[in-house]
Amino acid sequence: MAKMTKSEMFARIASHLTDVEEIAFINHEIDLLANKAERAKSASRKPSKVQVANEGLKAEMLDYIASVGSVVIKDIASKFDISSQKATPLLNALVDEGKLIKAVEKRVAHYSIG
């Protein structure tokens, strides 16, 4: 059996009710849930402190890579005093944005300006 949403559960409950006030209450709750979902979809949230810091770090990484030509993750991690686990997704994000090119040689990723 598939899991029901709150809206679906309220609609199911309303179908068994006969009291007009109870049905109106349930319909109001369904409307509130729909409004909440709509607000969540359209809300433009400001970036977190970590996201802002990561954007600055990505810009610094781009400048560094432009000056040296090509780097591996270990180079970035040591240069910016961060872990390889943090450097990898930041570099891959720059690849996804089209700012870097990733070439893999013998299981080692090399990043250069794209």
N, C-alpha and C. Protein backbone atom coordinates (compact mmCIF):
# COMPACT_ATOMS: atom_id res chain seq x y z
N MET A 1 0.85 -1.18 0.00
CA MET A 1 0.00 0.00 0.00
C MET A 1 0.89 1.24 0.00
N ALA A 2 0.59 2.15 -0.89
CA ALA A 2 1.37 3.38 -1.01
C ALA A 2 1.05 4.32 0.15
N LYS A 3 2.04 5.07 0.57
CA LYS A 3 1.87 6.01 1.66
C LYS A 3 1.02 7.20 1.20
N MET A 4 0.06 7.60 2.03
CA MET A 4 -0.82 8.72 1.69
C MET A 4 -0.26 10.02 2.21
N THR A 5 -0.51 11.08 1.47
CA THR A 5 -0.14 12.41 1.94
C THR A 5 -1.21 12.89 2.92
N LYS A 6 -0.90 13.95 3.64
CA LYS A 6 -1.89 14.51 4.57
C LYS A 6 -3.15 14.96 3.83
N SER A 7 -2.94 15.58 2.67
CA SER A 7 -4.09 16.05 1.89
C SER A 7 -4.98 14.89 1.48
N GLU A 8 -4.37 13.80 1.04
CA GLU A 8 -5.14 12.62 0.64
C GLU A 8 -5.88 12.02 1.82
N MET A 9 -5.21 11.99 2.98
CA MET A 9 -5.85 11.45 4.18
C MET A 9 -7.02 12.32 4.60
N PHE A 10 -6.85 13.63 4.58
CA PHE A 10 -7.95 14.53 4.92
C PHE A 10 -9.11 14.36 3.95
N ALA A 11 -8.84 14.23 2.67
CA ALA A 11 -9.90 14.04 1.68
C ALA A 11 -10.65 12.73 1.95
N ARG A 12 -9.91 11.71 2.32
CA ARG A 12 -10.54 10.42 2.64
C ARG A 12 -11.43 10.54 3.87
N ILE A 13 -10.95 11.24 4.87
CA ILE A 13 -11.76 11.45 6.09
C ILE A 13 -13.01 12.25 5.76
N ALA A 14 -12.85 13.30 4.97
CA ALA A 14 -13.99 14.15 4.61
C ALA A 14 -15.06 13.37 3.86
N SER A 15 -14.66 12.38 3.10
CA SER A 15 -15.65 11.61 2.34
C SER A 15 -16.55 10.78 3.24
N HIS A 16 -16.14 10.54 4.49
CA HIS A 16 -16.95 9.75 5.43
C HIS A 16 -17.76 10.63 6.39
N LEU A 17 -17.53 11.93 6.35
CA LEU A 17 -18.22 12.82 7.27
C LEU A 17 -19.56 13.29 6.70
N THR A 18 -20.46 13.64 7.62
CA THR A 18 -21.75 14.17 7.21
C THR A 18 -21.99 15.57 7.75
N ASP A 19 -21.29 15.93 8.83
CA ASP A 19 -21.47 17.25 9.43
C ASP A 19 -20.81 18.30 8.54
N VAL A 20 -21.56 19.33 8.19
CA VAL A 20 -21.09 20.37 7.28
C VAL A 20 -19.89 21.13 7.87
N GLU A 21 -19.93 21.40 9.18
CA GLU A 21 -18.82 22.12 9.82
C GLU A 21 -17.54 21.30 9.79
N GLU A 22 -17.65 20.00 10.04
CA GLU A 22 -16.46 19.15 10.02
C GLU A 22 -15.88 19.07 8.60
N ILE A 23 -16.74 18.97 7.61
CA ILE A 23 -16.28 18.92 6.22
C ILE A 23 -15.60 20.24 5.85
N ALA A 24 -16.17 21.36 6.27
CA ALA A 24 -15.58 22.67 5.99
C ALA A 24 -14.22 22.78 6.65
N PHE A 25 -14.10 22.27 7.88
CA PHE A 25 -12.83 22.30 8.59
C PHE A 25 -11.77 21.49 7.84
N ILE A 26 -12.13 20.28 7.43
CA ILE A 26 -11.20 19.42 6.70
C ILE A 26 -10.78 20.08 5.39
N ASN A 27 -11.73 20.65 4.66
CA ASN A 27 -11.40 21.33 3.39
C ASN A 27 -10.47 22.51 3.62
N HIS A 28 -10.69 23.23 4.73
CA HIS A 28 -9.81 24.34 5.08
C HIS A 28 -8.39 23.83 5.33
N GLU A 29 -8.26 22.72 6.03
CA GLU A 29 -6.94 22.14 6.30
C GLU A 29 -6.25 21.71 5.00
N ILE A 30 -7.01 21.16 4.07
CA ILE A 30 -6.46 20.77 2.77
C ILE A 30 -5.95 22.00 2.03
N ASP A 31 -6.72 23.10 2.08
CA ASP A 31 -6.29 24.35 1.45
C ASP A 31 -5.01 24.89 2.07
N LEU A 32 -4.92 24.81 3.41
CA LEU A 32 -3.71 25.28 4.09
C LEU A 32 -2.49 24.47 3.66
N LEU A 33 -2.66 23.15 3.54
CA LEU A 33 -1.55 22.32 3.10
C LEU A 33 -1.12 22.65 1.67
N ALA A 34 -2.10 22.91 0.81
CA ALA A 34 -1.79 23.28 -0.57
C ALA A 34 -1.05 24.61 -0.62
N ASN A 35 -1.49 25.58 0.19
CA ASN A 35 -0.81 26.88 0.24
C ASN A 35 0.62 26.74 0.75
N LYS A 36 0.80 25.91 1.77
CA LYS A 36 2.14 25.70 2.33
C LYS A 36 3.06 25.09 1.28
N ALA A 37 2.56 24.12 0.55
CA ALA A 37 3.37 23.48 -0.49
C ALA A 37 3.73 24.48 -1.59
N GLU A 38 2.78 25.33 -1.95
CA GLU A 38 3.03 26.33 -3.00
C GLU A 38 4.09 27.34 -2.56
N ARG A 39 4.01 27.77 -1.29
CA ARG A 39 5.00 28.71 -0.76
C ARG A 39 6.39 28.09 -0.73
N ALA A 40 6.44 26.81 -0.38
CA ALA A 40 7.74 26.14 -0.31
C ALA A 40 8.38 26.04 -1.69
N LYS A 41 7.57 25.83 -2.71
CA LYS A 41 8.09 25.72 -4.07
C LYS A 41 8.61 27.06 -4.59
N SER A 42 7.90 28.13 -4.27
CA SER A 42 8.23 29.42 -4.85
C SER A 42 9.16 30.26 -3.98
N ALA A 43 9.45 29.80 -2.80
CA ALA A 43 10.28 30.60 -1.88
C ALA A 43 11.71 30.67 -2.39
N SER A 44 12.23 31.86 -2.44
CA SER A 44 13.64 32.01 -2.79
C SER A 44 14.39 32.19 -1.49
N ARG A 45 15.13 31.18 -1.16
CA ARG A 45 15.86 31.20 0.11
C ARG A 45 17.23 31.80 -0.10
N LYS A 46 17.69 32.50 0.91
CA LYS A 46 19.04 33.04 0.80
C LYS A 46 20.02 31.93 1.13
N PRO A 47 21.20 31.97 0.52
CA PRO A 47 22.17 30.91 0.75
C PRO A 47 22.69 30.92 2.18
N SER A 48 23.08 29.74 2.66
CA SER A 48 23.63 29.63 4.01
C SER A 48 25.04 30.20 4.06
N LYS A 49 25.59 30.32 5.25
CA LYS A 49 26.94 30.83 5.40
C LYS A 49 27.96 29.93 4.71
N VAL A 50 27.73 28.63 4.80
CA VAL A 50 28.64 27.67 4.17
C VAL A 50 28.58 27.81 2.65
N GLN A 51 27.37 27.98 2.10
CA GLN A 51 27.23 28.13 0.66
C GLN A 51 27.93 29.40 0.17
N VAL A 52 27.81 30.48 0.92
CA VAL A 52 28.48 31.73 0.56
C VAL A 52 30.00 31.55 0.62
N ALA A 53 30.47 30.88 1.68
CA ALA A 53 31.90 30.64 1.82
C ALA A 53 32.41 29.75 0.69
N ASN A 54 31.62 28.74 0.32
CA ASN A 54 32.03 27.84 -0.76
C ASN A 54 32.12 28.58 -2.10
N GLU A 55 31.22 29.53 -2.35
CA GLU A 55 31.29 30.30 -3.59
C GLU A 55 32.58 31.10 -3.65
N GLY A 56 32.97 31.70 -2.53
CA GLY A 56 34.23 32.44 -2.47
C GLY A 56 35.43 31.52 -2.69
N LEU A 57 35.36 30.34 -2.09
CA LEU A 57 36.43 29.37 -2.23
C LEU A 57 36.55 28.88 -3.67
N LYS A 58 35.40 28.67 -4.32
CA LYS A 58 35.42 28.25 -5.72
C LYS A 58 36.06 29.32 -6.60
N ALA A 59 35.78 30.59 -6.32
CA ALA A 59 36.39 31.67 -7.10
C ALA A 59 37.90 31.69 -6.91
N GLU A 60 38.35 31.49 -5.67
CA GLU A 60 39.79 31.44 -5.41
C GLU A 60 40.43 30.25 -6.11
N MET A 61 39.73 29.11 -6.12
CA MET A 61 40.24 27.92 -6.80
C MET A 61 40.41 28.17 -8.29
N LEU A 62 39.42 28.84 -8.88
CA LEU A 62 39.51 29.16 -10.31
C LEU A 62 40.72 30.03 -10.61
N ASP A 63 40.94 31.05 -9.79
CA ASP A 63 42.09 31.93 -9.98
C ASP A 63 43.39 31.14 -9.88
N TYR A 64 43.47 30.26 -8.89
CA TYR A 64 44.68 29.46 -8.69
C TYR A 64 44.92 28.53 -9.88
N ILE A 65 43.87 27.85 -10.31
CA ILE A 65 44.01 26.92 -11.44
C ILE A 65 44.39 27.66 -12.71
N ALA A 66 43.85 28.87 -12.88
CA ALA A 66 44.22 29.68 -14.06
C ALA A 66 45.70 30.02 -14.03
N SER A 67 46.25 30.22 -12.84
CA SER A 67 47.67 30.60 -12.75
C SER A 67 48.62 29.42 -12.92
N VAL A 68 48.19 28.21 -12.53
CA VAL A 68 49.10 27.06 -12.62
C VAL A 68 48.80 26.14 -13.80
N GLY A 69 47.63 26.24 -14.38
CA GLY A 69 47.31 25.42 -15.55
C GLY A 69 46.45 24.22 -15.24
N SER A 70 47.00 23.24 -14.55
CA SER A 70 46.27 22.02 -14.26
C SER A 70 46.60 21.56 -12.85
N VAL A 71 45.61 21.04 -12.16
CA VAL A 71 45.82 20.58 -10.78
C VAL A 71 45.11 19.26 -10.56
N VAL A 72 45.51 18.59 -9.49
CA VAL A 72 44.78 17.42 -8.99
C VAL A 72 44.18 17.81 -7.64
N ILE A 73 43.29 17.00 -7.17
CA ILE A 73 42.56 17.33 -5.93
C ILE A 73 43.52 17.54 -4.77
N LYS A 74 44.56 16.73 -4.70
CA LYS A 74 45.53 16.85 -3.61
C LYS A 74 46.18 18.23 -3.60
N ASP A 75 46.46 18.79 -4.78
CA ASP A 75 47.05 20.13 -4.87
C ASP A 75 46.11 21.19 -4.28
N ILE A 76 44.85 21.11 -4.65
CA ILE A 76 43.86 22.07 -4.15
C ILE A 76 43.69 21.92 -2.65
N ALA A 77 43.60 20.69 -2.18
CA ALA A 77 43.40 20.45 -0.75
C ALA A 77 44.55 21.04 0.07
N SER A 78 45.78 20.84 -0.38
CA SER A 78 46.91 21.38 0.38
C SER A 78 47.02 22.89 0.24
N LYS A 79 46.77 23.43 -0.95
CA LYS A 79 46.87 24.88 -1.17
C LYS A 79 45.86 25.65 -0.33
N PHE A 80 44.62 25.15 -0.24
CA PHE A 80 43.57 25.87 0.47
C PHE A 80 43.30 25.32 1.86
N ASP A 81 44.14 24.39 2.31
CA ASP A 81 44.04 23.81 3.65
C ASP A 81 42.63 23.26 3.92
N ILE A 82 42.16 22.45 2.99
CA ILE A 82 40.87 21.79 3.14
C ILE A 82 41.08 20.30 2.85
N SER A 83 40.08 19.50 3.19
CA SER A 83 40.19 18.07 2.92
C SER A 83 39.89 17.77 1.46
N SER A 84 40.35 16.62 1.01
CA SER A 84 40.04 16.18 -0.34
C SER A 84 38.53 15.97 -0.50
N GLN A 85 37.88 15.55 0.59
CA GLN A 85 36.44 15.33 0.56
C GLN A 85 35.67 16.64 0.35
N LYS A 86 36.24 17.75 0.78
CA LYS A 86 35.60 19.04 0.54
C LYS A 86 35.97 19.60 -0.84
N ALA A 87 37.20 19.37 -1.25
CA ALA A 87 37.67 19.90 -2.53
C ALA A 87 36.98 19.23 -3.72
N THR A 88 36.74 17.94 -3.63
CA THR A 88 36.16 17.20 -4.76
C THR A 88 34.81 17.74 -5.21
N PRO A 89 33.82 17.90 -4.32
CA PRO A 89 32.53 18.41 -4.81
C PRO A 89 32.61 19.86 -5.30
N LEU A 90 33.50 20.66 -4.72
CA LEU A 90 33.63 22.04 -5.19
C LEU A 90 34.20 22.07 -6.61
N LEU A 91 35.21 21.24 -6.86
CA LEU A 91 35.79 21.18 -8.20
C LEU A 91 34.78 20.60 -9.20
N ASN A 92 34.06 19.57 -8.78
CA ASN A 92 33.05 18.99 -9.68
C ASN A 92 31.92 19.97 -9.98
N ALA A 93 31.59 20.82 -9.01
CA ALA A 93 30.59 21.85 -9.26
C ALA A 93 31.08 22.84 -10.30
N LEU A 94 32.36 23.18 -10.25
CA LEU A 94 32.93 24.07 -11.26
C LEU A 94 32.94 23.41 -12.64
N VAL A 95 33.12 22.10 -12.67
CA VAL A 95 33.04 21.36 -13.93
C VAL A 95 31.61 21.42 -14.46
N ASP A 96 30.64 21.19 -13.57
CA ASP A 96 29.22 21.23 -13.96
C ASP A 96 28.81 22.61 -14.47
N GLU A 97 29.42 23.66 -13.91
CA GLU A 97 29.12 25.03 -14.33
C GLU A 97 29.83 25.38 -15.64
N GLY A 98 30.70 24.51 -16.11
CA GLY A 98 31.41 24.74 -17.36
C GLY A 98 32.65 25.61 -17.21
N LYS A 99 33.12 25.82 -16.00
CA LYS A 99 34.28 26.68 -15.77
C LYS A 99 35.58 25.89 -15.76
N LEU A 100 35.48 24.59 -15.50
CA LEU A 100 36.66 23.73 -15.49
C LEU A 100 36.43 22.52 -16.39
N ILE A 101 37.55 21.94 -16.81
CA ILE A 101 37.52 20.68 -17.56
C ILE A 101 38.16 19.62 -16.69
N LYS A 102 37.52 18.47 -16.63
CA LYS A 102 38.04 17.35 -15.83
C LYS A 102 38.51 16.26 -16.78
N ALA A 103 39.77 15.86 -16.61
CA ALA A 103 40.33 14.75 -17.39
C ALA A 103 40.87 13.72 -16.40
N VAL A 104 40.49 12.47 -16.60
CA VAL A 104 40.92 11.40 -15.70
C VAL A 104 41.98 10.56 -16.38
N GLU A 105 43.14 10.46 -15.71
CA GLU A 105 44.25 9.65 -16.20
C GLU A 105 44.66 8.68 -15.10
N LYS A 106 44.61 7.40 -15.39
CA LYS A 106 45.01 6.38 -14.42
C LYS A 106 44.33 6.60 -13.07
N ARG A 107 43.03 6.84 -13.11
CA ARG A 107 42.17 7.03 -11.94
C ARG A 107 42.50 8.30 -11.13
N VAL A 108 43.21 9.24 -11.73
CA VAL A 108 43.51 10.51 -11.08
C VAL A 108 42.88 11.62 -11.91
N ALA A 109 42.04 12.44 -11.26
CA ALA A 109 41.36 13.52 -11.96
C ALA A 109 42.25 14.75 -12.03
N HIS A 110 42.39 15.29 -13.24
CA HIS A 110 43.14 16.53 -13.47
C HIS A 110 42.14 17.61 -13.88
N TYR A 111 42.22 18.76 -13.23
CA TYR A 111 41.30 19.86 -13.51
C TYR A 111 42.07 21.01 -14.15
N SER A 112 41.48 21.58 -15.20
CA SER A 112 42.07 22.74 -15.86
C SER A 112 40.96 23.69 -16.29
N ILE A 113 41.35 24.89 -16.64
CA ILE A 113 40.37 25.90 -17.05
C ILE A 113 39.71 25.47 -18.36
N GLY A 114 38.38 25.60 -18.42
CA GLY A 114 37.65 25.18 -19.61
C GLY A 114 37.30 26.31 -20.42
